[in-house]
């Protein structure tokens, strides 16, 4: 199933009044899974798409925080719940949940805001270090050796190592896109693609072992204006890891090197 088809279903649920959302359900196929649960980027983007329907277009996404509470299973009905926590003159705070079998699977809180006049302006100081994309180095999908959702995503790594390769660095970077181009490349697509990369610490493992995202935070620098088939750049590194938990930070870039978003996640390790 195409990613945009799933987004459309989420948008339809998001348009419903809060009291009716629990009665509207959707499913996703197993080829969007990461292990036994939904690919985290998919579940976060579906909740974002549902909440976007409740927000006036003049308010752009500033930040989105995702907590993966429990598994969200494929081929099983689940519902999306969207609640406006507060709507002020310039910003809106929203809470959304994915619920399956009466249990919360994923929680997303987001902040939307419209532009305001301000004399304070600090330009972006970060610069992208990726080289131009070379599609010859795009990773091929290998069923059984990679998460199933990976068949929908093209990753072209440039920095760091492969998972479980005993690498000596926690830096990871490269290019990403959906294999089937969407009608337009929106925040929902960027959310999903950002989570397609493995945790930066996974390359430091010397043998296969699981790692799990506990919480994930994205801040958008601007509203993206991108070509539908454009590659996006990703660079991330772990700043601290101890007692089985790591904290990684990263940047999302346009193909021309413009900073689009900042990402941070806490990862649990089971090495």
Protein backbone atom coordinates (compact mmCIF):
# COMPACT_ATOMS: atom_id res chain seq x y z
CA UNK A 1 0.00 0.00 0.00
CA UNK A 2 1.36 3.41 -1.00
CA UNK A 3 2.34 5.71 1.85
CA UNK A 4 -0.01 8.44 0.61
CA UNK A 5 -2.97 6.05 0.77
CA UNK A 6 -2.33 5.53 4.47
CA UNK A 7 -1.97 9.28 5.00
CA UNK A 8 -5.32 9.83 3.29
CA UNK A 9 -7.03 7.42 5.70
CA UNK A 10 -5.47 9.18 8.67
CA UNK A 11 -6.57 12.56 7.33
CA UNK A 12 -10.18 11.37 7.02
CA UNK A 13 -10.16 10.26 10.67
CA UNK A 14 -8.59 13.55 11.72
CA UNK A 15 -11.41 15.50 10.12
CA UNK A 16 -13.99 13.86 12.37
CA UNK A 17 -15.13 15.41 15.67
CA UNK A 18 -13.17 14.05 18.63
CA UNK A 19 -16.25 12.17 19.92
CA UNK A 20 -16.53 10.21 16.64
CA UNK A 21 -12.86 9.34 16.07
CA UNK A 22 -12.92 6.20 18.22
CA UNK A 23 -15.52 4.67 15.90
CA UNK A 24 -13.35 5.15 12.78
CA UNK A 25 -10.53 2.65 12.36
CA UNK A 26 -7.79 1.88 9.86
CA UNK A 27 -5.13 -0.75 9.22
CA UNK A 28 -1.71 -0.97 7.61
CA UNK A 29 -0.16 -4.03 5.90
CA UNK A 30 2.71 -6.05 7.36
CA UNK A 31 5.15 -4.69 4.78
CA UNK A 32 5.16 -1.43 6.77
CA UNK A 33 6.42 -3.20 9.91
CA UNK A 34 9.68 -2.98 11.82
CA UNK A 35 9.79 -6.28 13.66
CA UNK A 36 6.35 -6.98 15.11
CA UNK A 37 5.23 -3.36 15.26
CA UNK A 38 4.59 -0.55 12.81
CA UNK A 39 7.64 1.28 11.49
CA UNK A 40 7.87 4.20 13.94
CA UNK A 41 8.05 6.81 11.21
CA UNK A 42 4.77 5.53 9.81
CA UNK A 43 2.84 5.68 13.10
CA UNK A 44 4.20 9.15 13.93
CA UNK A 45 3.37 10.51 10.48
CA UNK A 46 -0.17 9.07 10.57
CA UNK A 47 -0.84 10.82 13.87
CA UNK A 48 0.65 14.04 12.51
CA UNK A 49 -1.55 13.83 9.41
CA UNK A 50 -4.66 13.33 11.56
CA UNK A 51 -3.88 16.31 13.81
CA UNK A 52 -2.98 18.52 10.82
CA UNK A 53 -6.66 18.40 9.80
CA UNK A 54 -7.61 20.23 13.00
CA UNK A 55 -5.14 23.10 12.46
CA UNK A 56 -5.69 26.18 10.33
CA UNK A 57 -3.28 26.29 7.36
CA UNK A 58 -1.57 29.51 8.49
CA UNK A 59 -0.03 27.67 11.45
CA UNK A 60 3.05 25.63 10.54
CA UNK A 61 4.51 22.69 12.44
CA UNK A 62 7.16 23.85 14.91
CA UNK A 63 7.81 20.66 16.83
CA UNK A 64 6.51 17.13 17.23
CA UNK A 65 7.32 14.75 20.08
CA UNK A 66 6.63 11.01 19.79
CA UNK A 67 6.62 8.32 22.46
CA UNK A 68 6.38 4.69 21.41
CA UNK A 69 4.35 3.21 24.26
CA UNK A 70 3.60 -0.26 22.91
CA UNK A 71 3.41 -2.26 19.66
CA UNK A 72 1.06 -1.19 16.88
CA UNK A 73 0.24 -4.39 15.00
CA UNK A 74 -0.29 -4.82 11.26
CA UNK A 75 -3.55 -6.00 9.67
CA UNK A 76 -5.41 -5.10 12.87
CA UNK A 77 -7.86 -2.25 13.38
CA UNK A 78 -6.65 0.77 15.32
CA UNK A 79 -8.05 4.24 15.90
CA UNK A 80 -6.55 7.72 16.03
CA UNK A 81 -7.54 10.24 18.68
CA UNK A 82 -6.81 13.96 18.24
CA UNK A 83 -7.32 16.47 21.04
CA UNK A 84 -6.64 20.22 20.90
CA UNK A 85 -5.02 21.00 24.25
CA UNK A 86 -4.90 24.75 23.76
CA UNK A 87 -5.35 27.18 20.91
CA UNK A 88 -3.97 30.66 21.44
CA UNK A 89 -3.64 33.72 19.24
CA UNK A 90 -0.51 32.44 17.52
CA UNK A 91 0.05 28.80 18.55
CA UNK A 92 -1.84 25.54 18.98
CA UNK A 93 -0.86 22.58 21.17
CA UNK A 94 -2.24 19.20 20.06
CA UNK A 95 -2.18 15.68 21.50
CA UNK A 96 -2.80 12.57 19.38
CA UNK A 97 -2.83 8.86 20.20
CA UNK A 98 -2.94 5.60 18.27
CA UNK A 99 -5.09 3.07 20.13
CA UNK A 100 -5.39 -0.64 19.43
CA UNK A 101 -7.38 -3.20 21.43
CA UNK A 102 -8.09 -0.56 24.05
CA UNK A 103 -4.39 0.16 24.63
CA UNK A 104 -2.35 3.23 23.74
CA UNK A 105 0.39 2.30 21.27
CA UNK A 106 1.84 5.67 20.25
CA UNK A 107 1.48 9.19 21.66
CA UNK A 108 2.34 12.35 19.73
CA UNK A 109 2.28 15.94 20.97
CA UNK A 110 2.86 18.76 18.51
CA UNK A 111 3.03 22.54 18.46
CA UNK A 112 1.80 24.57 15.49
CA UNK A 113 2.25 28.32 15.18
CA UNK A 114 1.83 31.21 12.77
CA UNK A 115 4.52 33.77 12.00
CA UNK A 116 4.79 36.82 14.26
CA UNK A 117 6.67 40.10 13.84
CA UNK A 118 10.02 40.09 15.64
CA UNK A 119 13.22 42.09 15.35
CA UNK A 120 15.29 39.10 16.55
CA UNK A 121 16.77 36.91 13.84
CA UNK A 122 19.59 34.36 14.11
CA UNK A 123 20.62 32.67 10.85
CA UNK A 124 21.28 28.93 10.61
CA UNK A 125 24.86 28.22 11.63
CA UNK A 126 24.92 24.52 10.76
CA UNK A 127 26.17 23.36 7.36
CA UNK A 128 25.66 20.04 5.62
CA UNK A 129 28.77 17.89 5.14
CA UNK A 130 27.20 15.32 2.79
CA UNK A 131 28.49 14.93 -0.74
CA UNK A 132 26.03 15.00 -3.67
CA UNK A 133 23.86 11.90 -3.78
CA UNK A 134 25.11 8.98 -5.86
CA UNK A 135 22.19 6.62 -6.47
CA UNK A 136 24.53 3.74 -7.35
CA UNK A 137 25.14 3.30 -3.61
CA UNK A 138 21.47 3.04 -2.64
CA UNK A 139 21.01 0.04 -0.35
CA UNK A 140 19.04 -2.83 -1.91
CA UNK A 141 16.18 -4.34 0.06
CA UNK A 142 16.92 -7.84 1.38
CA UNK A 143 13.87 -9.58 2.81
CA UNK A 144 14.58 -11.22 6.16
CA UNK A 145 17.79 -9.27 6.65
CA UNK A 146 16.14 -5.85 6.82
CA UNK A 147 12.92 -4.51 8.38
CA UNK A 148 9.97 -5.03 6.04
CA UNK A 149 9.19 -1.31 5.75
CA UNK A 150 12.60 -0.86 4.12
CA UNK A 151 11.16 -2.03 0.80
CA UNK A 152 9.38 1.34 0.57
CA UNK A 153 12.39 3.52 1.41
CA UNK A 154 15.60 4.29 -0.47
CA UNK A 155 18.65 5.01 1.71
CA UNK A 156 21.98 6.04 0.26
CA UNK A 157 24.52 6.08 3.14
CA UNK A 158 27.71 8.13 3.02
CA UNK A 159 28.89 8.42 6.62
CA UNK A 160 29.23 5.77 9.33
CA UNK A 161 28.95 2.02 9.04
CA UNK A 162 26.37 -0.69 8.60
CA UNK A 163 24.50 -2.03 11.65
CA UNK A 164 26.42 -4.61 13.74
CA UNK A 165 29.74 -3.84 12.04
CA UNK A 166 31.68 -2.93 15.24
CA UNK A 167 32.24 0.58 13.91
CA UNK A 168 34.28 2.98 16.04
CA UNK A 169 32.03 5.96 15.34
CA UNK A 170 28.45 6.85 16.22
CA UNK A 171 28.17 9.31 13.34
CA UNK A 172 25.73 8.34 10.60
CA UNK A 173 24.68 10.18 7.46
CA UNK A 174 23.38 9.89 3.93
CA UNK A 175 20.43 10.51 1.64
CA UNK A 176 16.85 9.25 1.82
CA UNK A 177 13.62 9.24 -0.17
CA UNK A 178 10.49 7.16 -0.72
CA UNK A 179 10.87 4.71 -3.57
CA UNK A 180 7.41 5.69 -4.82
CA UNK A 181 7.38 9.48 -5.01
CA UNK A 182 4.46 11.13 -3.21
CA UNK A 183 2.17 13.71 -4.78
CA UNK A 184 4.02 16.30 -2.68
CA UNK A 185 6.83 16.08 -0.16
CA UNK A 186 5.30 17.34 3.10
CA UNK A 187 6.13 17.30 6.82
CA UNK A 188 4.42 13.90 7.08
CA UNK A 189 6.88 12.39 4.60
CA UNK A 190 9.87 14.00 6.31
CA UNK A 191 8.74 12.58 9.67
CA UNK A 192 8.51 9.09 8.21
CA UNK A 193 11.82 9.24 6.33
CA UNK A 194 13.78 10.59 9.30
CA UNK A 195 12.95 7.48 11.31
CA UNK A 196 13.98 5.15 8.48
CA UNK A 197 17.63 5.29 9.55
CA UNK A 198 18.79 2.85 12.23
CA UNK A 199 19.89 4.29 15.58
CA UNK A 200 23.41 5.67 15.23
CA UNK A 201 24.68 3.29 17.93
CA UNK A 202 23.58 0.15 16.09
CA UNK A 203 26.71 0.29 13.89
CA UNK A 204 28.87 -0.02 17.02
CA UNK A 205 27.38 -3.42 17.96
CA UNK A 206 29.69 -6.33 17.12
CA UNK A 207 26.79 -8.74 16.60
CA UNK A 208 23.04 -8.50 15.86
CA UNK A 209 21.04 -7.22 18.83
CA UNK A 210 17.92 -5.07 19.17
CA UNK A 211 17.65 -1.36 19.90
CA UNK A 212 14.41 0.53 20.44
CA UNK A 213 13.45 4.20 20.15
CA UNK A 214 11.87 5.29 23.42
CA UNK A 215 11.12 8.91 22.58
CA UNK A 216 11.71 11.03 19.51
CA UNK A 217 11.59 14.78 18.99
CA UNK A 218 11.58 16.75 15.73
CA UNK A 219 11.78 20.53 15.33
CA UNK A 220 11.00 22.04 11.94
CA UNK A 221 13.00 25.10 10.91
CA UNK A 222 10.57 26.05 8.15
CA UNK A 223 7.69 24.81 6.05
CA UNK A 224 9.26 22.55 3.41
CA UNK A 225 8.95 23.54 -0.24
CA UNK A 226 10.47 20.59 -2.04
CA UNK A 227 10.15 18.64 -5.27
CA UNK A 228 8.13 15.44 -4.79
CA UNK A 229 11.04 13.22 -5.91
CA UNK A 230 13.78 15.11 -4.05
CA UNK A 231 16.35 13.33 -1.93
CA UNK A 232 16.67 14.48 1.69
CA UNK A 233 19.92 14.55 3.64
CA UNK A 234 20.34 13.02 7.09
CA UNK A 235 23.23 13.47 9.53
CA UNK A 236 23.17 12.29 13.14
CA UNK A 237 25.48 11.29 15.99
CA UNK A 238 25.19 10.07 19.56
CA UNK A 239 26.27 12.62 22.17
CA UNK A 240 25.98 10.34 25.18
CA UNK A 241 25.39 6.66 25.93
CA UNK A 242 25.44 4.94 29.31
CA UNK A 243 23.55 2.26 31.23
CA UNK A 244 21.82 0.96 28.09
CA UNK A 245 20.42 4.26 26.82
CA UNK A 246 21.76 6.60 24.16
CA UNK A 247 20.89 10.16 23.14
CA UNK A 248 21.33 11.08 19.48
CA UNK A 249 20.95 14.39 17.63
CA UNK A 250 20.68 15.01 13.92
CA UNK A 251 19.85 17.34 11.05
CA UNK A 252 17.55 16.94 8.05
CA UNK A 253 18.60 18.76 4.89
CA UNK A 254 17.14 19.55 1.49
CA UNK A 255 19.09 18.29 -1.50
CA UNK A 256 20.45 21.83 -1.96
CA UNK A 257 21.81 21.90 1.61
CA UNK A 258 19.06 23.91 3.31
CA UNK A 259 18.35 22.92 6.93
CA UNK A 260 14.77 21.62 7.23
CA UNK A 261 14.54 20.08 10.70
CA UNK A 262 16.42 18.97 13.80
CA UNK A 263 15.91 15.52 15.28
CA UNK A 264 16.65 14.00 18.70
CA UNK A 265 15.82 10.60 20.10
CA UNK A 266 16.46 8.45 23.16
CA UNK A 267 17.33 4.85 22.26
CA UNK A 268 17.31 1.78 24.50
CA UNK A 269 20.06 -0.76 23.74
CA UNK A 270 19.90 -4.52 24.31
CA UNK A 271 23.43 -5.58 23.36
